[in-house]
C-alpha atoms as a PDB file:
ATOM      1  CA  MET A   1     -69.708 -99.687  50.721  1.00  0.00           C
ATOM      2  CA  ILE A   2     -68.965 -98.852  54.325  1.00  0.00           C
ATOM      3  CA  PRO A   3     -65.550-100.288  55.637  1.00  0.00           C
ATOM      4  CA  ILE A   4     -65.794-102.525  58.753  1.00  0.00           C
ATOM      5  CA  ARG A   5     -63.618-101.753  61.704  1.00  0.00           C
ATOM      6  CA  ASN A   6     -62.883-105.026  63.209  1.00  0.00           C
ATOM      7  CA  ARG A   7     -59.056-104.623  63.597  1.00  0.00           C
ATOM      8  CA  LYS A   8     -57.902-104.757  67.156  1.00  0.00           C
ATOM      9  CA  LYS A   9     -55.829-102.027  68.491  1.00  0.00           C
ATOM     10  CA  THR A  10     -52.607-102.759  70.203  1.00  0.00           C
ATOM     11  CA  LEU A  11     -51.827-101.356  73.631  1.00  0.00           C
ATOM     12  CA  LYS A  12     -49.249 -98.909  72.243  1.00  0.00           C
ATOM     13  CA  VAL A  13     -51.699 -97.486  69.813  1.00  0.00           C
ATOM     14  CA  THR A  14     -54.312 -97.039  72.463  1.00  0.00           C
ATOM     15  CA  VAL A  15     -52.000 -95.293  74.874  1.00  0.00           C
ATOM     16  CA  GLU A  16     -50.718 -92.990  72.109  1.00  0.00           C
ATOM     17  CA  GLU A  17     -54.317 -92.259  71.225  1.00  0.00           C
ATOM     18  CA  MET A  18     -55.214 -91.549  74.826  1.00  0.00           C
ATOM     19  CA  ARG A  19     -52.196 -89.355  75.260  1.00  0.00           C
ATOM     20  CA  ASN A  20     -53.175 -87.314  72.231  1.00  0.00           C
ATOM     21  CA  PHE A  21     -56.674 -86.791  73.640  1.00  0.00           C
ATOM     22  CA  ALA A  22     -55.085 -85.769  77.006  1.00  0.00           C
ATOM     23  CA  PHE A  23     -52.746 -83.324  75.371  1.00  0.00           C
ATOM     24  CA  ALA A  24     -55.543 -81.736  73.444  1.00  0.00           C
ATOM     25  CA  TYR A  25     -57.681 -81.390  76.581  1.00  0.00           C
ATOM     26  CA  VAL A  26     -54.942 -80.070  78.704  1.00  0.00           C
ATOM     27  CA  GLU A  27     -53.950 -77.511  76.107  1.00  0.00           C
ATOM     28  CA  LYS A  28     -57.485 -76.198  75.913  1.00  0.00           C
ATOM     29  CA  TYR A  29     -58.776 -76.334  79.557  1.00  0.00           C
ATOM     30  CA  ALA A  30     -55.877 -76.796  82.102  1.00  0.00           C
ATOM     31  CA  PRO A  31     -57.779 -79.308  84.166  1.00  0.00           C
ATOM     32  CA  SER A  32     -57.175 -81.099  87.368  1.00  0.00           C
ATOM     33  CA  LYS A  33     -56.083 -84.697  87.371  1.00  0.00           C
ATOM     34  CA  GLN A  34     -59.616 -86.026  88.199  1.00  0.00           C
ATOM     35  CA  GLN A  35     -61.167 -83.885  85.547  1.00  0.00           C
ATOM     36  CA  LEU A  36     -58.780 -85.247  82.966  1.00  0.00           C
ATOM     37  CA  LYS A  37     -59.358 -88.800  84.173  1.00  0.00           C
ATOM     38  CA  THR A  38     -63.151 -88.397  83.836  1.00  0.00           C
ATOM     39  CA  TYR A  39     -62.817 -86.891  80.416  1.00  0.00           C
ATOM     40  CA  LEU A  40     -60.547 -89.640  79.087  1.00  0.00           C
ATOM     41  CA  LEU A  41     -62.819 -92.373  80.503  1.00  0.00           C
ATOM     42  CA  LYS A  42     -65.904 -90.872  78.925  1.00  0.00           C
ATOM     43  CA  LYS A  43     -64.051 -90.215  75.606  1.00  0.00           C
ATOM     44  CA  TYR A  44     -62.584 -93.757  75.288  1.00  0.00           C
ATOM     45  CA  MET A  45     -65.686 -95.636  76.389  1.00  0.00           C
ATOM     46  CA  LYS A  46     -67.675 -93.757  73.727  1.00  0.00           C
ATOM     47  CA  LEU A  47     -65.083 -94.503  71.048  1.00  0.00           C
ATOM     48  CA  SER A  48     -64.148 -98.017  71.831  1.00  0.00           C
ATOM     49  CA  ALA A  49     -66.049-101.207  71.196  1.00  0.00           C
ATOM     50  CA  THR A  50     -68.220-102.866  73.829  1.00  0.00           C
ATOM     51  CA  ASP A  51     -65.906-105.638  74.488  1.00  0.00           C
ATOM     52  CA  VAL A  52     -63.415-103.451  76.314  1.00  0.00           C
ATOM     53  CA  LYS A  53     -63.494-103.627  79.986  1.00  0.00           C
ATOM     54  CA  LYS A  54     -63.726-100.555  82.136  1.00  0.00           C
ATOM     55  CA  LYS A  55     -60.950-101.837  84.443  1.00  0.00           C
ATOM     56  CA  ASP A  56     -58.466-102.101  81.614  1.00  0.00           C
ATOM     57  CA  VAL A  57     -59.324 -98.661  80.388  1.00  0.00           C
ATOM     58  CA  ASN A  58     -58.747 -97.387  83.894  1.00  0.00           C
ATOM     59  CA  LYS A  59     -55.269 -98.910  83.947  1.00  0.00           C
ATOM     60  CA  LEU A  60     -54.465 -97.325  80.593  1.00  0.00           C
ATOM     61  CA  ILE A  61     -55.701 -93.865  81.835  1.00  0.00           C
ATOM     62  CA  ASP A  62     -53.634 -94.197  85.049  1.00  0.00           C
ATOM     63  CA  ILE A  63     -50.547 -94.789  82.839  1.00  0.00           C
ATOM     64  CA  VAL A  64     -51.209 -91.842  80.700  1.00  0.00           C
ATOM     65  CA  LEU A  65     -51.873 -89.594  83.805  1.00  0.00           C
ATOM     66  CA  SER A  66     -48.790 -90.623  85.608  1.00  0.00           C
ATOM     67  CA  ASP A  67     -46.856 -89.777  82.559  1.00  0.00           C
ATOM     68  CA  LEU A  68     -48.439 -86.340  82.208  1.00  0.00           C
ATOM     69  CA  GLU A  69     -47.810 -85.739  85.882  1.00  0.00           C
ATOM     70  CA  LYS A  70     -44.256 -86.704  85.710  1.00  0.00           C
ATOM     71  CA  ASN A  71     -43.729 -84.431  82.777  1.00  0.00           C
ATOM     72  CA  ARG A  72     -45.577 -81.687  84.616  1.00  0.00           C
ATOM     73  CA  PHE A  73     -48.383 -81.149  82.209  1.00  0.00           C
ATOM     74  CA  ILE A  74     -50.886 -81.546  85.026  1.00  0.00           C
ATOM     75  CA  ASN A  75     -50.247 -80.481  88.619  1.00  0.00           C
ATOM     76  CA  ASP A  76     -53.061 -80.487  91.238  1.00  0.00           C
ATOM     77  CA  GLN A  77     -51.173 -78.281  93.655  1.00  0.00           C
ATOM     78  CA  PHE A  78     -50.760 -75.530  90.981  1.00  0.00           C
ATOM     79  CA  TYR A  79     -54.332 -76.056  89.823  1.00  0.00           C
ATOM     80  CA  SER A  80     -55.649 -75.654  93.484  1.00  0.00           C
ATOM     81  CA  GLU A  81     -53.581 -72.430  94.063  1.00  0.00           C
ATOM     82  CA  SER A  82     -54.469 -70.704  90.877  1.00  0.00           C
ATOM     83  CA  LYS A  83     -58.175 -71.526  91.176  1.00  0.00           C
ATOM     84  CA  ALA A  84     -58.194 -70.285  94.756  1.00  0.00           C
ATOM     85  CA  LYS A  85     -56.441 -67.010  93.741  1.00  0.00           C
ATOM     86  CA  SER A  86     -58.914 -66.356  90.936  1.00  0.00           C
ATOM     87  CA  MET A  87     -61.875 -67.138  93.131  1.00  0.00           C
ATOM     88  CA  ILE A  88     -60.595 -64.841  95.768  1.00  0.00           C
ATOM     89  CA  GLN A  89     -60.385 -61.992  93.300  1.00  0.00           C
ATOM     90  CA  ARG A  90     -64.035 -62.601  92.430  1.00  0.00           C
ATOM     91  CA  GLY A  91     -65.087 -62.445  96.120  1.00  0.00           C
ATOM     92  CA  ASN A  92     -65.710 -66.151  96.983  1.00  0.00           C
ATOM     93  CA  SER A  93     -65.490 -67.370 100.519  1.00  0.00           C
ATOM     94  CA  ILE A  94     -62.854 -69.869 101.806  1.00  0.00           C
ATOM     95  CA  ASN A  95     -65.666 -72.285 102.254  1.00  0.00           C
ATOM     96  CA  LYS A  96     -66.861 -71.995  98.727  1.00  0.00           C
ATOM     97  CA  ILE A  97     -63.216 -72.354  97.490  1.00  0.00           C
ATOM     98  CA  ARG A  98     -62.687 -75.522  99.508  1.00  0.00           C
ATOM     99  CA  ASN A  99     -65.943 -77.092  98.248  1.00  0.00           C
ATOM    100  CA  TYR A 100     -65.109 -76.170  94.671  1.00  0.00           C
ATOM    101  CA  LEU A 101     -61.718 -77.898  94.920  1.00  0.00           C
ATOM    102  CA  ILE A 102     -63.200 -80.955  96.603  1.00  0.00           C
ATOM    103  CA  GLY A 103     -65.731 -81.207  93.672  1.00  0.00           C
ATOM    104  CA  LYS A 104     -62.843 -81.101  91.173  1.00  0.00           C
ATOM    105  CA  GLY A 105     -61.218 -84.043  92.954  1.00  0.00           C
ATOM    106  CA  ILE A 106     -58.197 -82.325  94.371  1.00  0.00           C
ATOM    107  CA  ASN A 107     -56.275 -84.029  97.089  1.00  0.00           C
ATOM    108  CA  ASP A 108     -57.118 -82.943 100.592  1.00  0.00           C
ATOM    109  CA  GLU A 109     -53.425 -82.165 101.365  1.00  0.00           C
ATOM    110  CA  PHE A 110     -53.369 -79.684  98.589  1.00  0.00           C
ATOM    111  CA  ILE A 111     -56.606 -78.105  99.534  1.00  0.00           C
ATOM    112  CA  LYS A 112     -55.418 -77.673 103.195  1.00  0.00           C
ATOM    113  CA  ASP A 113     -52.156 -76.092 101.926  1.00  0.00           C
ATOM    114  CA  THR A 114     -53.951 -73.732  99.789  1.00  0.00           C
ATOM    115  CA  VAL A 115     -56.428 -72.601 102.450  1.00  0.00           C
ATOM    116  CA  ASP A 116     -53.578 -72.338 104.912  1.00  0.00           C
ATOM    117  CA  ARG A 117     -51.660 -70.162 102.559  1.00  0.00           C
ATOM    118  CA  ILE A 118     -54.787 -67.899 101.968  1.00  0.00           C
ATOM    119  CA  ASN A 119     -55.250 -67.499 105.805  1.00  0.00           C
ATOM    120  CA  GLU A 120     -51.504 -66.809 106.024  1.00  0.00           C
ATOM    121  CA  ASP A 121     -51.659 -64.052 103.476  1.00  0.00           C
ATOM    122  CA  ASN A 122     -54.712 -62.382 104.950  1.00  0.00           C
ATOM    123  CA  SER A 123     -56.214 -63.609 108.228  1.00  0.00           C
ATOM    124  CA  ASP A 124     -59.557 -62.016 107.688  1.00  0.00           C
ATOM    125  CA  GLN A 125     -59.992 -62.978 103.912  1.00  0.00           C
ATOM    126  CA  ASP A 126     -63.699 -63.883 104.317  1.00  0.00           C
ATOM    127  CA  PHE A 127     -64.534 -60.390 105.515  1.00  0.00           C
ATOM    128  CA  PHE A 128     -63.002 -58.730 102.570  1.00  0.00           C
ATOM    129  CA  SER A 129     -64.452 -61.293 100.119  1.00  0.00           C
ATOM    130  CA  ALA A 130     -67.914 -60.549 101.737  1.00  0.00           C
ATOM    131  CA  ILE A 131     -67.400 -56.750 101.101  1.00  0.00           C
ATOM    132  CA  LYS A 132     -66.616 -57.613  97.444  1.00  0.00           C
ATOM    133  CA  ILE A 133     -69.908 -59.639  97.195  1.00  0.00           C
ATOM    134  CA  CYS A 134     -71.764 -56.685  98.662  1.00  0.00           C
ATOM    135  CA  LYS A 135     -70.376 -54.370  96.168  1.00  0.00           C
ATOM    136  CA  LYS A 136     -70.963 -56.695  93.251  1.00  0.00           C
ATOM    137  CA  LYS A 137     -74.535 -57.515  94.283  1.00  0.00           C
ATOM    138  CA  ARG A 138     -75.302 -54.193  95.731  1.00  0.00           C
ATOM    139  CA  ILE A 139     -76.449 -55.489  99.058  1.00  0.00           C
ATOM    140  CA  GLY A 140     -75.742 -54.783 102.681  1.00  0.00           C
ATOM    141  CA  PRO A 141     -73.746 -51.562 103.120  1.00  0.00           C
ATOM    142  CA  ALA A 142     -73.802 -50.860  99.402  1.00  0.00           C
ATOM    143  CA  ARG A 143     -77.679 -50.664  99.567  1.00  0.00           C
ATOM    144  CA  ILE A 144     -79.576 -47.360 100.062  1.00  0.00           C
ATOM    145  CA  GLU A 145     -79.867 -46.679 103.771  1.00  0.00           C
ATOM    146  CA  ASP A 146     -83.820 -46.658 103.720  1.00  0.00           C
ATOM    147  CA  ASN A 147     -83.909 -50.324 102.473  1.00  0.00           C
ATOM    148  CA  ARG A 148     -81.161 -51.836 104.519  1.00  0.00           C
ATOM    149  CA  THR A 149     -83.260 -52.797 107.558  1.00  0.00           C
ATOM    150  CA  LEU A 150     -86.158 -54.085 105.505  1.00  0.00           C
ATOM    151  CA  ILE A 151     -84.038 -56.494 103.490  1.00  0.00           C
ATOM    152  CA  TYR A 152     -81.489 -57.530 106.199  1.00  0.00           C
ATOM    153  CA  LYS A 153     -82.521 -61.175 106.297  1.00  0.00           C
ATOM    154  CA  LYS A 154     -82.402 -61.382 102.513  1.00  0.00           C
ATOM    155  CA  ASP A 155     -78.944 -60.080 102.268  1.00  0.00           C
ATOM    156  CA  ILE A 156     -77.664 -62.292 105.140  1.00  0.00           C
ATOM    157  CA  SER A 157     -79.114 -65.397 103.374  1.00  0.00           C
ATOM    158  CA  LEU A 158     -77.392 -64.193 100.113  1.00  0.00           C
ATOM    159  CA  LEU A 159     -74.018 -64.118 101.894  1.00  0.00           C
ATOM    160  CA  ALA A 160     -74.818 -67.537 103.522  1.00  0.00           C
ATOM    161  CA  ARG A 161     -75.475 -69.034 100.087  1.00  0.00           C
ATOM    162  CA  ASN A 162     -71.951 -67.673  99.026  1.00  0.00           C
ATOM    163  CA  GLY A 163     -70.370 -69.730 101.932  1.00  0.00           C
ATOM    164  CA  PHE A 164     -69.876 -67.017 104.613  1.00  0.00           C
ATOM    165  CA  ASP A 165     -70.528 -67.834 108.110  1.00  0.00           C
ATOM    166  CA  PHE A 166     -73.136 -65.915 110.249  1.00  0.00           C
ATOM    167  CA  GLU A 167     -70.535 -63.939 112.256  1.00  0.00           C
ATOM    168  CA  THR A 168     -68.847 -62.675 109.039  1.00  0.00           C
ATOM    169  CA  SER A 169     -72.113 -61.857 107.367  1.00  0.00           C
ATOM    170  CA  ARG A 170     -73.347 -60.002 110.417  1.00  0.00           C
ATOM    171  CA  LYS A 171     -70.194 -58.072 110.788  1.00  0.00           C
ATOM    172  CA  VAL A 172     -70.296 -56.996 107.226  1.00  0.00           C
ATOM    173  CA  MET A 173     -74.037 -56.092 107.299  1.00  0.00           C
ATOM    174  CA  ASP A 174     -73.474 -53.916 110.327  1.00  0.00           C
ATOM    175  CA  ILE A 175     -70.833 -51.666 108.701  1.00  0.00           C
ATOM    176  CA  ASP A 176     -71.606 -48.054 108.271  1.00  0.00           C
ATOM    177  CA  LYS A 177     -71.784 -46.641 104.668  1.00  0.00           C
ATOM    178  CA  ASP A 178     -68.719 -44.376 105.233  1.00  0.00           C
ATOM    179  CA  GLU A 179     -66.545 -47.195 106.636  1.00  0.00           C
ATOM    180  CA  TYR A 180     -67.683 -49.407 103.749  1.00  0.00           C
ATOM    181  CA  LEU A 181     -66.675 -46.793 101.177  1.00  0.00           C
ATOM    182  CA  LYS A 182     -63.159 -46.532 102.840  1.00  0.00           C
ATOM    183  CA  ILE A 183     -62.733 -50.395 102.639  1.00  0.00           C
ATOM    184  CA  ILE A 184     -63.863 -50.423  99.038  1.00  0.00           C
ATOM    185  CA  ASN A 185     -61.312 -47.747  98.119  1.00  0.00           C
ATOM    186  CA  LEU A 186     -58.535 -49.961  99.723  1.00  0.00           C
ATOM    187  CA  LEU A 187     -59.578 -53.032  97.782  1.00  0.00           C
END
């Protein structure tokens, strides 16, 4: 015989359950506030009965999120800075970083602070990131001299898809092989 679950959960039990889900997710993934909210909403709507209203669940999730934020388990500013730092190390452009953070639901103020800090540390960050992409993908100045002029448009478009503007892409593509090697040794 299968037991029937008709008992109603109290508000305290629901908040505790949600908090436990949130702790487990934060421990595993270190998400932004919006990512955690989306996760909890999906998780709770899947687990709960059909008579629960989405508006009520959102209120409970907001209570849990404000508690986690107050106790510094989630911090969107820290998330923004750490993701930007790791993306710069991989050679991503500032535009790509900005769009990634917007997609993760980070506040515009935190994104602006992060981008300003990146530009403050290195005014020509996109140039060096484009050089890293060239090295990683073996395009532009990293390509054999015979093929560079033939595949110029393809390389420019690859840099554009990675978020670099035309001026930066052209500047990187016009570098001599010797100068490129000097810059790579500095990075």
